[in-house]
Amino acid sequence: MAVTRVYTGGDGESHFEDVEIALHPTATGALSDPQDATSIIFRETGGDYDLDFHTAPRRQYVINLFGSVEIEVGDGSKRVLGPGDVLLAEDTTGHGHISRAVAGQVRHSIFVTLD
C-alpha cells in the first residue's frame, strides 16, 4: 500500500518520499503489521485553506476522506493528495511544508498520531 511521506532532510528542508507499506495475505485480504498509535483526530478544512510553511506538530498519518490538499515541500515540489490518499507527516523540525486547499473544496481528513 502506497503512502506519501514528508520528512526533514539533512538540509533542514522537507522532502517527499514514496513509501510502500508491506501487506501480508490473510483469509480476509491482506494486512500490514500493526503500528502503535496514540490518538485519532477528525478534521474539516475549509476550501480557502492556505497554510504557509509549517512543520507537522507530531509524527502522524493524515488520511484524506473527502476533498484534496496540495502539499509543497522545500525544493518547490508539489503533490496533490485526494480521497483515499495517505500522508505520513514526519517533518516535525526544519522549514516545514505548505498545505493548500484544491479547487475551493472543503476537505475531511483523519489524523492518526504516532507520538
PDB file of N, CA and C in Angstrom:
ATOM      1  N   MET A   1       0.852  -1.171   0.000  1.00  0.00           N
ATOM      2  CA  MET A   1       0.000   0.000   0.000  1.00  0.00           C
ATOM      3  C   MET A   1       0.895   1.230   0.000  1.00  0.00           C
ATOM      4  N   ALA A   2       0.619   2.152  -0.908  1.00  0.00           N
ATOM      5  CA  ALA A   2       1.461   3.338  -1.075  1.00  0.00           C
ATOM      6  C   ALA A   2       1.093   4.442  -0.089  1.00  0.00           C
ATOM      7  N   VAL A   3       2.132   5.050   0.484  1.00  0.00           N
ATOM      8  CA  VAL A   3       1.986   6.177   1.401  1.00  0.00           C
ATOM      9  C   VAL A   3       2.987   7.245   0.959  1.00  0.00           C
ATOM     10  N   THR A   4       2.570   8.496   0.977  1.00  0.00           N
ATOM     11  CA  THR A   4       3.478   9.607   0.712  1.00  0.00           C
ATOM     12  C   THR A   4       4.034  10.093   2.039  1.00  0.00           C
ATOM     13  N   ARG A   5       5.337  10.076   2.163  1.00  0.00           N
ATOM     14  CA  ARG A   5       5.994  10.538   3.393  1.00  0.00           C
ATOM     15  C   ARG A   5       6.578  11.916   3.151  1.00  0.00           C
ATOM     16  N   VAL A   6       6.413  12.817   4.129  1.00  0.00           N
ATOM     17  CA  VAL A   6       7.078  14.113   4.145  1.00  0.00           C
ATOM     18  C   VAL A   6       7.997  14.099   5.364  1.00  0.00           C
ATOM     19  N   TYR A   7       9.276  14.349   5.120  1.00  0.00           N
ATOM     20  CA  TYR A   7      10.261  14.284   6.201  1.00  0.00           C
ATOM     21  C   TYR A   7      11.259  15.431   6.061  1.00  0.00           C
ATOM     22  N   THR A   8      11.984  15.715   7.136  1.00  0.00           N
ATOM     23  CA  THR A   8      13.013  16.741   7.126  1.00  0.00           C
ATOM     24  C   THR A   8      14.349  16.097   6.782  1.00  0.00           C
ATOM     25  N   GLY A   9      14.981  16.609   5.726  1.00  0.00           N
ATOM     26  CA  GLY A   9      16.289  16.110   5.323  1.00  0.00           C
ATOM     27  C   GLY A   9      17.402  16.780   6.099  1.00  0.00           C
ATOM     28  N   GLY A  10      18.631  16.356   5.837  1.00  0.00           N
ATOM     29  CA  GLY A  10      19.801  16.927   6.487  1.00  0.00           C
ATOM     30  C   GLY A  10      19.999  18.397   6.181  1.00  0.00           C
ATOM     31  N   ASP A  11      19.335  18.890   5.119  1.00  0.00           N
ATOM     32  CA  ASP A  11      19.426  20.300   4.745  1.00  0.00           C
ATOM     33  C   ASP A  11      18.416  21.175   5.480  1.00  0.00           C
ATOM     34  N   GLY A  12      17.595  20.561   6.374  1.00  0.00           N
ATOM     35  CA  GLY A  12      16.590  21.311   7.121  1.00  0.00           C
ATOM     36  C   GLY A  12      15.312  21.556   6.340  1.00  0.00           C
ATOM     37  N   GLU A  13      15.247  21.072   5.100  1.00  0.00           N
ATOM     38  CA  GLU A  13      14.067  21.242   4.256  1.00  0.00           C
ATOM     39  C   GLU A  13      13.226  19.966   4.261  1.00  0.00           C
ATOM     40  N   SER A  14      11.937  20.121   4.015  1.00  0.00           N
ATOM     41  CA  SER A  14      11.049  18.979   3.883  1.00  0.00           C
ATOM     42  C   SER A  14      11.173  18.396   2.480  1.00  0.00           C
ATOM     43  N   HIS A  15      11.015  17.078   2.397  1.00  0.00           N
ATOM     44  CA  HIS A  15      11.114  16.349   1.138  1.00  0.00           C
ATOM     45  C   HIS A  15      10.023  15.284   1.088  1.00  0.00           C
ATOM     46  N   PHE A  16       9.701  14.845  -0.139  1.00  0.00           N
ATOM     47  CA  PHE A  16       8.771  13.739  -0.334  1.00  0.00           C
ATOM     48  C   PHE A  16       9.540  12.431  -0.452  1.00  0.00           C
ATOM     49  N   GLU A  17       8.907  11.363  -0.008  1.00  0.00           N
ATOM     50  CA  GLU A  17       9.406  10.015  -0.235  1.00  0.00           C
ATOM     51  C   GLU A  17       8.189   9.115  -0.419  1.00  0.00           C
ATOM     52  N   ASP A  18       8.232   8.243  -1.417  1.00  0.00           N
ATOM     53  CA  ASP A  18       7.179   7.254  -1.606  1.00  0.00           C
ATOM     54  C   ASP A  18       7.537   6.033  -0.781  1.00  0.00           C
ATOM     55  N   VAL A  19       6.616   5.640   0.091  1.00  0.00           N
ATOM     56  CA  VAL A  19       6.835   4.506   0.986  1.00  0.00           C
ATOM     57  C   VAL A  19       5.789   3.446   0.671  1.00  0.00           C
ATOM     58  N   GLU A  20       6.221   2.220   0.661  1.00  0.00           N
ATOM     59  CA  GLU A  20       5.299   1.106   0.444  1.00  0.00           C
ATOM     60  C   GLU A  20       5.131   0.368   1.766  1.00  0.00           C
ATOM     61  N   ILE A  21       3.906   0.302   2.267  1.00  0.00           N
ATOM     62  CA  ILE A  21       3.604  -0.451   3.483  1.00  0.00           C
ATOM     63  C   ILE A  21       3.382  -1.899   3.060  1.00  0.00           C
ATOM     64  N   ALA A  22       4.189  -2.803   3.598  1.00  0.00           N
ATOM     65  CA  ALA A  22       4.080  -4.218   3.241  1.00  0.00           C
ATOM     66  C   ALA A  22       2.769  -4.802   3.758  1.00  0.00           C
ATOM     67  N   LEU A  23       2.115  -5.565   2.917  1.00  0.00           N
ATOM     68  CA  LEU A  23       0.880  -6.255   3.282  1.00  0.00           C
ATOM     69  C   LEU A  23       1.113  -7.760   3.199  1.00  0.00           C
ATOM     70  N   HIS A  24       0.506  -8.468   4.123  1.00  0.00           N
ATOM     71  CA  HIS A  24       0.651  -9.920   4.197  1.00  0.00           C
ATOM     72  C   HIS A  24      -0.708 -10.567   3.952  1.00  0.00           C
ATOM     73  N   PRO A  25      -0.763 -11.576   3.082  1.00  0.00           N
ATOM     74  CA  PRO A  25      -2.040 -12.231   2.774  1.00  0.00           C
ATOM     75  C   PRO A  25      -2.670 -12.855   4.020  1.00  0.00           C
ATOM     76  N   THR A  26      -3.979 -12.712   4.131  1.00  0.00           N
ATOM     77  CA  THR A  26      -4.747 -13.356   5.194  1.00  0.00           C
ATOM     78  C   THR A  26      -5.999 -13.945   4.555  1.00  0.00           C
ATOM     79  N   ALA A  27      -6.794 -14.622   5.334  1.00  0.00           N
ATOM     80  CA  ALA A  27      -8.042 -15.210   4.822  1.00  0.00           C
ATOM     81  C   ALA A  27      -9.033 -14.128   4.403  1.00  0.00           C
ATOM     82  N   THR A  28      -8.876 -12.911   4.930  1.00  0.00           N
ATOM     83  CA  THR A  28      -9.834 -11.836   4.639  1.00  0.00           C
ATOM     84  C   THR A  28      -9.249 -10.732   3.768  1.00  0.00           C
ATOM     85  N   GLY A  29      -8.121 -10.981   3.145  1.00  0.00           N
ATOM     86  CA  GLY A  29      -7.479  -9.950   2.320  1.00  0.00           C
ATOM     87  C   GLY A  29      -6.001  -9.886   2.638  1.00  0.00           C
ATOM     88  N   ALA A  30      -5.490  -8.687   2.810  1.00  0.00           N
ATOM     89  CA  ALA A  30      -4.076  -8.503   3.148  1.00  0.00           C
ATOM     90  C   ALA A  30      -3.972  -7.443   4.234  1.00  0.00           C
ATOM     91  N   LEU A  31      -3.120  -7.673   5.202  1.00  0.00           N
ATOM     92  CA  LEU A  31      -2.939  -6.767   6.338  1.00  0.00           C
ATOM     93  C   LEU A  31      -1.478  -6.386   6.497  1.00  0.00           C
ATOM     94  N   SER A  32      -1.254  -5.162   6.998  1.00  0.00           N
ATOM     95  CA  SER A  32       0.103  -4.751   7.370  1.00  0.00           C
ATOM     96  C   SER A  32       0.383  -5.249   8.781  1.00  0.00           C
ATOM     97  N   ASP A  33       1.646  -5.119   9.182  1.00  0.00           N
ATOM     98  CA  ASP A  33       1.966  -5.350  10.583  1.00  0.00           C
ATOM     99  C   ASP A  33       1.329  -4.236  11.403  1.00  0.00           C
ATOM    100  N   PRO A  34       0.937  -4.503  12.634  1.00  0.00           N
ATOM    101  CA  PRO A  34       0.358  -3.447  13.476  1.00  0.00           C
ATOM    102  C   PRO A  34       1.363  -2.325  13.737  1.00  0.00           C
ATOM    103  N   GLN A  35       0.845  -1.103  13.850  1.00  0.00           N
ATOM    104  CA  GLN A  35       1.652   0.049  14.230  1.00  0.00           C
ATOM    105  C   GLN A  35       0.989   0.697  15.444  1.00  0.00           C
ATOM    106  N   ASP A  36       1.797   1.079  16.407  1.00  0.00           N
ATOM    107  CA  ASP A  36       1.263   1.751  17.587  1.00  0.00           C
ATOM    108  C   ASP A  36       0.815   3.160  17.223  1.00  0.00           C
ATOM    109  N   ALA A  37      -0.343   3.563  17.721  1.00  0.00           N
ATOM    110  CA  ALA A  37      -0.869   4.920  17.534  1.00  0.00           C
ATOM    111  C   ALA A  37      -1.294   5.444  18.902  1.00  0.00           C
ATOM    112  N   THR A  38      -1.315   6.784  19.027  1.00  0.00           N
ATOM    113  CA  THR A  38      -1.653   7.369  20.325  1.00  0.00           C
ATOM    114  C   THR A  38      -3.027   8.011  20.362  1.00  0.00           C
ATOM    115  N   SER A  39      -3.534   8.480  19.223  1.00  0.00           N
ATOM    116  CA  SER A  39      -4.868   9.080  19.208  1.00  0.00           C
ATOM    117  C   SER A  39      -5.348   9.194  17.767  1.00  0.00           C
ATOM    118  N   ILE A  40      -6.608   9.551  17.629  1.00  0.00           N
ATOM    119  CA  ILE A  40      -7.198   9.803  16.321  1.00  0.00           C
ATOM    120  C   ILE A  40      -7.906  11.151  16.398  1.00  0.00           C
ATOM    121  N   ILE A  41      -7.729  11.973  15.365  1.00  0.00           N
ATOM    122  CA  ILE A  41      -8.321  13.308  15.317  1.00  0.00           C
ATOM    123  C   ILE A  41      -9.069  13.445  14.003  1.00  0.00           C
ATOM    124  N   PHE A  42     -10.294  13.906  14.058  1.00  0.00           N
ATOM    125  CA  PHE A  42     -11.091  14.159  12.862  1.00  0.00           C
ATOM    126  C   PHE A  42     -10.995  15.650  12.541  1.00  0.00           C
ATOM    127  N   ARG A  43     -10.833  15.978  11.244  1.00  0.00           N
ATOM    128  CA  ARG A  43     -10.608  17.376  10.877  1.00  0.00           C
ATOM    129  C   ARG A  43     -11.404  17.750   9.640  1.00  0.00           C
ATOM    130  N   GLU A  44     -11.922  18.961   9.655  1.00  0.00           N
ATOM    131  CA  GLU A  44     -12.520  19.571   8.473  1.00  0.00           C
ATOM    132  C   GLU A  44     -11.732  20.839   8.166  1.00  0.00           C
ATOM    133  N   THR A  45     -11.323  20.981   6.915  1.00  0.00           N
ATOM    134  CA  THR A  45     -10.540  22.134   6.479  1.00  0.00           C
ATOM    135  C   THR A  45     -11.332  22.868   5.413  1.00  0.00           C
ATOM    136  N   GLY A  46     -11.453  24.174   5.548  1.00  0.00           N
ATOM    137  CA  GLY A  46     -12.228  24.976   4.608  1.00  0.00           C
ATOM    138  C   GLY A  46     -11.616  25.025   3.215  1.00  0.00           C
ATOM    139  N   GLY A  47     -12.420  25.361   2.247  1.00  0.00           N
ATOM    140  CA  GLY A  47     -11.989  25.429   0.859  1.00  0.00           C
ATOM    141  C   GLY A  47     -11.029  26.554   0.557  1.00  0.00           C
ATOM    142  N   ASP A  48     -10.839  27.469   1.509  1.00  0.00           N
ATOM    143  CA  ASP A  48      -9.889  28.570   1.313  1.00  0.00           C
ATOM    144  C   ASP A  48      -8.592  28.345   2.107  1.00  0.00           C
ATOM    145  N   TYR A  49      -8.400  27.140   2.592  1.00  0.00           N
ATOM    146  CA  TYR A  49      -7.248  26.772   3.411  1.00  0.00           C
ATOM    147  C   TYR A  49      -5.956  27.002   2.634  1.00  0.00           C
ATOM    148  N   ASP A  50      -5.023  27.755   3.222  1.00  0.00           N
ATOM    149  CA  ASP A  50      -3.718  28.030   2.608  1.00  0.00           C
ATOM    150  C   ASP A  50      -2.749  28.333   3.739  1.00  0.00           C
ATOM    151  N   LEU A  51      -2.077  27.302   4.225  1.00  0.00           N
ATOM    152  CA  LEU A  51      -1.196  27.441   5.381  1.00  0.00           C
ATOM    153  C   LEU A  51       0.251  27.477   4.905  1.00  0.00           C
ATOM    154  N   ASP A  52       0.923  28.607   5.123  1.00  0.00           N
ATOM    155  CA  ASP A  52       2.314  28.790   4.700  1.00  0.00           C
ATOM    156  C   ASP A  52       3.207  27.775   5.410  1.00  0.00           C
ATOM    157  N   PHE A  53       4.497  27.849   5.176  1.00  0.00           N
ATOM    158  CA  PHE A  53       5.430  26.858   5.704  1.00  0.00           C
ATOM    159  C   PHE A  53       5.204  26.619   7.196  1.00  0.00           C
ATOM    160  N   HIS A  54       5.081  25.351   7.544  1.00  0.00           N
ATOM    161  CA  HIS A  54       4.885  24.920   8.925  1.00  0.00           C
ATOM    162  C   HIS A  54       5.385  23.482   9.045  1.00  0.00           C
ATOM    163  N   THR A  55       5.751  23.098  10.228  1.00  0.00           N
ATOM    164  CA  THR A  55       6.147  21.710  10.474  1.00  0.00           C
ATOM    165  C   THR A  55       4.940  20.936  10.990  1.00  0.00           C
ATOM    166  N   ALA A  56       5.008  19.631  10.857  1.00  0.00           N
ATOM    167  CA  ALA A  56       3.980  18.777  11.448  1.00  0.00           C
ATOM    168  C   ALA A  56       4.093  18.880  12.969  1.00  0.00           C
ATOM    169  N   PRO A  57       2.976  18.943  13.693  1.00  0.00           N
ATOM    170  CA  PRO A  57       3.040  19.086  15.150  1.00  0.00           C
ATOM    171  C   PRO A  57       3.528  17.821  15.861  1.00  0.00           C
ATOM    172  N   ARG A  58       3.494  16.703  15.133  1.00  0.00           N
ATOM    173  CA  ARG A  58       3.902  15.406  15.681  1.00  0.00           C
ATOM    174  C   ARG A  58       3.982  14.443  14.497  1.00  0.00           C
ATOM    175  N   ARG A  59       4.568  13.283  14.683  1.00  0.00           N
ATOM    176  CA  ARG A  59       4.512  12.248  13.647  1.00  0.00           C
ATOM    177  C   ARG A  59       3.062  11.768  13.559  1.00  0.00           C
ATOM    178  N   GLN A  60       2.539  11.742  12.358  1.00  0.00           N
ATOM    179  CA  GLN A  60       1.148  11.335  12.209  1.00  0.00           C
ATOM    180  C   GLN A  60       0.844  10.923  10.775  1.00  0.00           C
ATOM    181  N   TYR A  61      -0.103  10.006  10.657  1.00  0.00           N
ATOM    182  CA  TYR A  61      -0.690   9.707   9.362  1.00  0.00           C
ATOM    183  C   TYR A  61      -1.842  10.676   9.156  1.00  0.00           C
ATOM    184  N   VAL A  62      -1.988  11.185   7.941  1.00  0.00           N
ATOM    185  CA  VAL A  62      -3.134  12.004   7.568  1.00  0.00           C
ATOM    186  C   VAL A  62      -3.841  11.248   6.449  1.00  0.00           C
ATOM    187  N   ILE A  63      -5.077  10.844   6.702  1.00  0.00           N
ATOM    188  CA  ILE A  63      -5.860  10.060   5.755  1.00  0.00           C
ATOM    189  C   ILE A  63      -6.948  10.948   5.194  1.00  0.00           C
ATOM    190  N   ASN A  64      -6.907  11.203   3.899  1.00  0.00           N
ATOM    191  CA  ASN A  64      -7.911  12.053   3.259  1.00  0.00           C
ATOM    192  C   ASN A  64      -9.168  11.249   2.971  1.00  0.00           C
ATOM    193  N   LEU A  65     -10.287  11.782   3.422  1.00  0.00           N
ATOM    194  CA  LEU A  65     -11.578  11.132   3.193  1.00  0.00           C
ATOM    195  C   LEU A  65     -12.344  11.791   2.059  1.00  0.00           C
ATOM    196  N   PHE A  66     -12.333  13.123   2.040  1.00  0.00           N
ATOM    197  CA  PHE A  66     -13.109  13.904   1.077  1.00  0.00           C
ATOM    198  C   PHE A  66     -12.340  15.174   0.766  1.00  0.00           C
ATOM    199  N   GLY A  67     -12.313  15.577  -0.495  1.00  0.00           N
ATOM    200  CA  GLY A  67     -11.563  16.763  -0.881  1.00  0.00           C
ATOM    201  C   GLY A  67     -10.094  16.437  -1.061  1.00  0.00           C
ATOM    202  N   SER A  68      -9.324  17.428  -1.453  1.00  0.00           N
ATOM    203  CA  SER A  68      -7.905  17.236  -1.736  1.00  0.00           C
ATOM    204  C   SER A  68      -7.082  18.322  -1.061  1.00  0.00           C
ATOM    205  N   VAL A  69      -5.793  18.057  -0.958  1.00  0.00           N
ATOM    206  CA  VAL A  69      -4.839  19.023  -0.418  1.00  0.00           C
ATOM    207  C   VAL A  69      -3.612  19.020  -1.311  1.00  0.00           C
ATOM    208  N   GLU A  70      -3.051  20.201  -1.545  1.00  0.00           N
ATOM    209  CA  GLU A  70      -1.777  20.309  -2.243  1.00  0.00           C
ATOM    210  C   GLU A  70      -0.705  20.543  -1.193  1.00  0.00           C
ATOM    211  N   ILE A  71       0.324  19.707  -1.212  1.00  0.00           N
ATOM    212  CA  ILE A  71       1.446  19.844  -0.296  1.00  0.00           C
ATOM    213  C   ILE A  71       2.652  20.292  -1.117  1.00  0.00           C
ATOM    214  N   GLU A  72       3.351  21.329  -0.635  1.00  0.00           N
ATOM    215  CA  GLU A  72       4.574  21.806  -1.271  1.00  0.00           C
ATOM    216  C   GLU A  72       5.711  21.692  -0.269  1.00  0.00           C
ATOM    217  N   VAL A  73       6.842  21.124  -0.700  1.00  0.00           N
ATOM    218  CA  VAL A  73       7.999  20.973   0.177  1.00  0.00           C
ATOM    219  C   VAL A  73       9.086  21.974  -0.204  1.00  0.00           C
ATOM    220  N   GLY A  74      10.182  21.960   0.536  1.00  0.00           N
ATOM    221  CA  GLY A  74      11.224  22.974   0.439  1.00  0.00           C
ATOM    222  C   GLY A  74      11.848  23.164  -0.925  1.00  0.00           C
ATOM    223  N   ASP A  75      11.924  22.116  -1.750  1.00  0.00           N
ATOM    224  CA  ASP A  75      12.542  22.268  -3.075  1.00  0.00           C
ATOM    225  C   ASP A  75      11.543  22.732  -4.133  1.00  0.00           C
ATOM    226  N   GLY A  76      10.312  23.059  -3.702  1.00  0.00           N
ATOM    227  CA  GLY A  76       9.288  23.529  -4.623  1.00  0.00           C
ATOM    228  C   GLY A  76       8.436  22.421  -5.222  1.00  0.00           C
ATOM    229  N   SER A  77       8.766  21.162  -4.944  1.00  0.00           N
ATOM    230  CA  SER A  77       7.952  20.045  -5.420  1.00  0.00           C
ATOM    231  C   SER A  77       6.578  20.090  -4.775  1.00  0.00           C
ATOM    232  N   LYS A  78       5.556  19.743  -5.563  1.00  0.00           N
ATOM    233  CA  LYS A  78       4.177  19.754  -5.072  1.00  0.00           C
ATOM    234  C   LYS A  78       3.520  18.429  -5.405  1.00  0.00           C
ATOM    235  N   ARG A  79       2.633  18.009  -4.517  1.00  0.00           N
ATOM    236  CA  ARG A  79       1.805  16.825  -4.770  1.00  0.00           C
ATOM    237  C   ARG A  79       0.396  17.130  -4.303  1.00  0.00           C
ATOM    238  N   VAL A  80      -0.571  16.647  -5.052  1.00  0.00           N
ATOM    239  CA  VAL A  80      -1.972  16.746  -4.656  1.00  0.00           C
ATOM    240  C   VAL A  80      -2.391  15.380  -4.125  1.00  0.00           C
ATOM    241  N   LEU A  81      -2.898  15.373  -2.903  1.00  0.00           N
ATOM    242  CA  LEU A  81      -3.396  14.153  -2.275  1.00  0.00           C
ATOM    243  C   LEU A  81      -4.905  14.249  -2.200  1.00  0.00           C
ATOM    244  N   GLY A  82      -5.580  13.240  -2.719  1.00  0.00           N
ATOM    245  CA  GLY A  82      -7.033  13.247  -2.774  1.00  0.00           C
ATOM    246  C   GLY A  82      -7.652  12.198  -1.871  1.00  0.00           C
ATOM    247  N   PRO A  83      -8.949  11.969  -2.033  1.00  0.00           N
ATOM    248  CA  PRO A  83      -9.646  10.991  -1.206  1.00  0.00           C
ATOM    249  C   PRO A  83      -8.986   9.611  -1.281  1.00  0.00           C
ATOM    250  N   GLY A  84      -8.753   9.036  -0.111  1.00  0.00           N
ATOM    251  CA  GLY A  84      -8.132   7.727  -0.030  1.00  0.00           C
ATOM    252  C   GLY A  84      -6.618   7.767   0.071  1.00  0.00           C
ATOM    253  N   ASP A  85      -6.000   8.910  -0.220  1.00  0.00           N
ATOM    254  CA  ASP A  85      -4.542   9.015  -0.114  1.00  0.00           C
ATOM    255  C   ASP A  85      -4.122   9.153   1.345  1.00  0.00           C
ATOM    256  N   VAL A  86      -2.932   8.648   1.642  1.00  0.00           N
ATOM    257  CA  VAL A  86      -2.395   8.671   3.000  1.00  0.00           C
ATOM    258  C   VAL A  86      -1.050   9.390   2.985  1.00  0.00           C
ATOM    259  N   LEU A  87      -0.893  10.338   3.898  1.00  0.00           N
ATOM    260  CA  LEU A  87       0.351  11.076   4.091  1.00  0.00           C
ATOM    261  C   LEU A  87       0.936  10.681   5.437  1.00  0.00           C
ATOM    262  N   LEU A  88       2.226  10.386   5.466  1.00  0.00           N
ATOM    263  CA  LEU A  88       2.936  10.191   6.719  1.00  0.00           C
ATOM    264  C   LEU A  88       3.742  11.460   6.958  1.00  0.00           C
ATOM    265  N   ALA A  89       3.278  12.301   7.885  1.00  0.00           N
ATOM    266  CA  ALA A  89       3.919  13.587   8.175  1.00  0.00           C
ATOM    267  C   ALA A  89       4.960  13.380   9.263  1.00  0.00           C
ATOM    268  N   GLU A  90       6.232  13.540   8.876  1.00  0.00           N
ATOM    269  CA  GLU A  90       7.324  13.365   9.829  1.00  0.00           C
ATOM    270  C   GLU A  90       8.285  14.550   9.816  1.00  0.00           C
ATOM    271  N   ASP A  91       7.905  15.654   9.176  1.00  0.00           N
ATOM    272  CA  ASP A  91       8.765  16.843   9.159  1.00  0.00           C
ATOM    273  C   ASP A  91       8.449  17.725  10.364  1.00  0.00           C
ATOM    274  N   THR A  92       8.817  17.236  11.527  1.00  0.00           N
ATOM    275  CA  THR A  92       8.499  17.929  12.786  1.00  0.00           C
ATOM    276  C   THR A  92       9.542  18.985  13.148  1.00  0.00           C
ATOM    277  N   THR A  93      10.605  19.073  12.362  1.00  0.00           N
ATOM    278  CA  THR A  93      11.637  20.087  12.558  1.00  0.00           C
ATOM    279  C   THR A  93      11.947  20.715  11.207  1.00  0.00           C
ATOM    280  N   GLY A  94      12.750  21.766  11.210  1.00  0.00           N
ATOM    281  CA  GLY A  94      13.181  22.378   9.961  1.00  0.00           C
ATOM    282  C   GLY A  94      12.194  23.390   9.421  1.00  0.00           C
ATOM    283  N   HIS A  95      12.261  23.612   8.120  1.00  0.00           N
ATOM    284  CA  HIS A  95      11.473  24.646   7.433  1.00  0.00           C
ATOM    285  C   HIS A  95      10.001  24.268   7.264  1.00  0.00           C
ATOM    286  N   GLY A  96       9.713  22.979   7.160  1.00  0.00           N
ATOM    287  CA  GLY A  96       8.336  22.525   7.037  1.00  0.00           C
ATOM    288  C   GLY A  96       7.838  22.490   5.605  1.00  0.00           C
ATOM    289  N   HIS A  97       6.517  22.458   5.471  1.00  0.00           N
ATOM    290  CA  HIS A  97       5.854  22.337   4.182  1.00  0.00           C
ATOM    291  C   HIS A  97       4.667  23.305   4.133  1.00  0.00           C
ATOM    292  N   ILE A  98       4.127  23.503   2.948  1.00  0.00           N
ATOM    293  CA  ILE A  98       2.929  24.322   2.738  1.00  0.00           C
ATOM    294  C   ILE A  98       1.763  23.380   2.458  1.00  0.00           C
ATOM    295  N   SER A  99       0.581  23.699   2.985  1.00  0.00           N
ATOM    296  CA  SER A  99      -0.645  22.946   2.703  1.00  0.00           C
ATOM    297  C   SER A  99      -1.675  23.895   2.126  1.00  0.00           C
ATOM    298  N   ARG A 100      -2.305  23.493   1.013  1.00  0.00           N
ATOM    299  CA  ARG A 100      -3.307  24.343   0.366  1.00  0.00           C
ATOM    300  C   ARG A 100      -4.541  23.538  -0.021  1.00  0.00           C
ATOM    301  N   ALA A 101      -5.702  24.182   0.067  1.00  0.00           N
ATOM    302  CA  ALA A 101      -6.930  23.593  -0.458  1.00  0.00           C
ATOM    303  C   ALA A 101      -6.819  23.504  -1.976  1.00  0.00           C
ATOM    304  N   VAL A 102      -7.581  22.614  -2.560  1.00  0.00           N
ATOM    305  CA  VAL A 102      -7.595  22.418  -4.007  1.00  0.00           C
ATOM    306  C   VAL A 102      -8.998  22.723  -4.529  1.00  0.00           C
ATOM    307  N   ALA A 103      -9.070  23.610  -5.499  1.00  0.00           N
ATOM    308  CA  ALA A 103     -10.319  23.927  -6.201  1.00  0.00           C
ATOM    309  C   ALA A 103     -11.431  24.377  -5.254  1.00  0.00           C
ATOM    310  N   GLY A 104     -11.067  25.034  -4.154  1.00  0.00           N
ATOM    311  CA  GLY A 104     -12.064  25.552  -3.227  1.00  0.00           C
ATOM    312  C   GLY A 104     -12.856  24.492  -2.479  1.00  0.00           C
ATOM    313  N   GLN A 105     -12.347  23.262  -2.456  1.00  0.00           N
ATOM    314  CA  GLN A 105     -13.061  22.159  -1.820  1.00  0.00           C
ATOM    315  C   GLN A 105     -12.829  22.134  -0.309  1.00  0.00           C
ATOM    316  N   VAL A 106     -13.878  21.863   0.435  1.00  0.00           N
ATOM    317  CA  VAL A 106     -13.751  21.508   1.847  1.00  0.00           C
ATOM    318  C   VAL A 106     -13.093  20.137   1.882  1.00  0.00           C
ATOM    319  N   ARG A 107     -12.251  19.903   2.867  1.00  0.00           N
ATOM    320  CA  ARG A 107     -11.578  18.601   2.983  1.00  0.00           C
ATOM    321  C   ARG A 107     -11.862  17.990   4.342  1.00  0.00           C
ATOM    322  N   HIS A 108     -12.180  16.719   4.352  1.00  0.00           N
ATOM    323  CA  HIS A 108     -12.312  15.942   5.581  1.00  0.00           C
ATOM    324  C   HIS A 108     -11.145  14.972   5.650  1.00  0.00           C
ATOM    325  N   SER A 109     -10.517  14.930   6.801  1.00  0.00           N
ATOM    326  CA  SER A 109      -9.365  14.034   6.972  1.00  0.00           C
ATOM    327  C   SER A 109      -9.324  13.513   8.390  1.00  0.00           C
ATOM    328  N   ILE A 110      -8.546  12.470   8.556  1.00  0.00           N
ATOM    329  CA  ILE A 110      -8.318  11.868   9.873  1.00  0.00           C
ATOM    330  C   ILE A 110      -6.823  11.876  10.132  1.00  0.00           C
ATOM    331  N   PHE A 111      -6.444  12.332  11.316  1.00  0.00           N
ATOM    332  CA  PHE A 111      -5.051  12.256  11.765  1.00  0.00           C
ATOM    333  C   PHE A 111      -4.944  11.074  12.721  1.00  0.00           C
ATOM    334  N   VAL A 112      -3.984  10.215  12.486  1.00  0.00           N
ATOM    335  CA  VAL A 112      -3.668   9.129  13.401  1.00  0.00           C
ATOM    336  C   VAL A 112      -2.290   9.438  13.954  1.00  0.00           C
ATOM    337  N   THR A 113      -2.240   9.869  15.216  1.00  0.00           N
ATOM    338  CA  THR A 113      -0.979  10.324  15.802  1.00  0.00           C
ATOM    339  C   THR A 113      -0.129   9.139  16.241  1.00  0.00           C
ATOM    340  N   LEU A 114       1.183   9.289  16.047  1.00  0.00           N
ATOM    341  CA  LEU A 114       2.115   8.194  16.305  1.00  0.00           C
ATOM    342  C   LEU A 114       3.024   8.465  17.489  1.00  0.00           C
ATOM    343  N   ASP A 115       3.096   9.694  17.974  1.00  0.00           N
ATOM    344  CA  ASP A 115       3.957  10.018  19.120  1.00  0.00           C
ATOM    345  C   ASP A 115       3.122  10.383  20.326  1.00  0.00           C
TER     346      ASP A 115
END
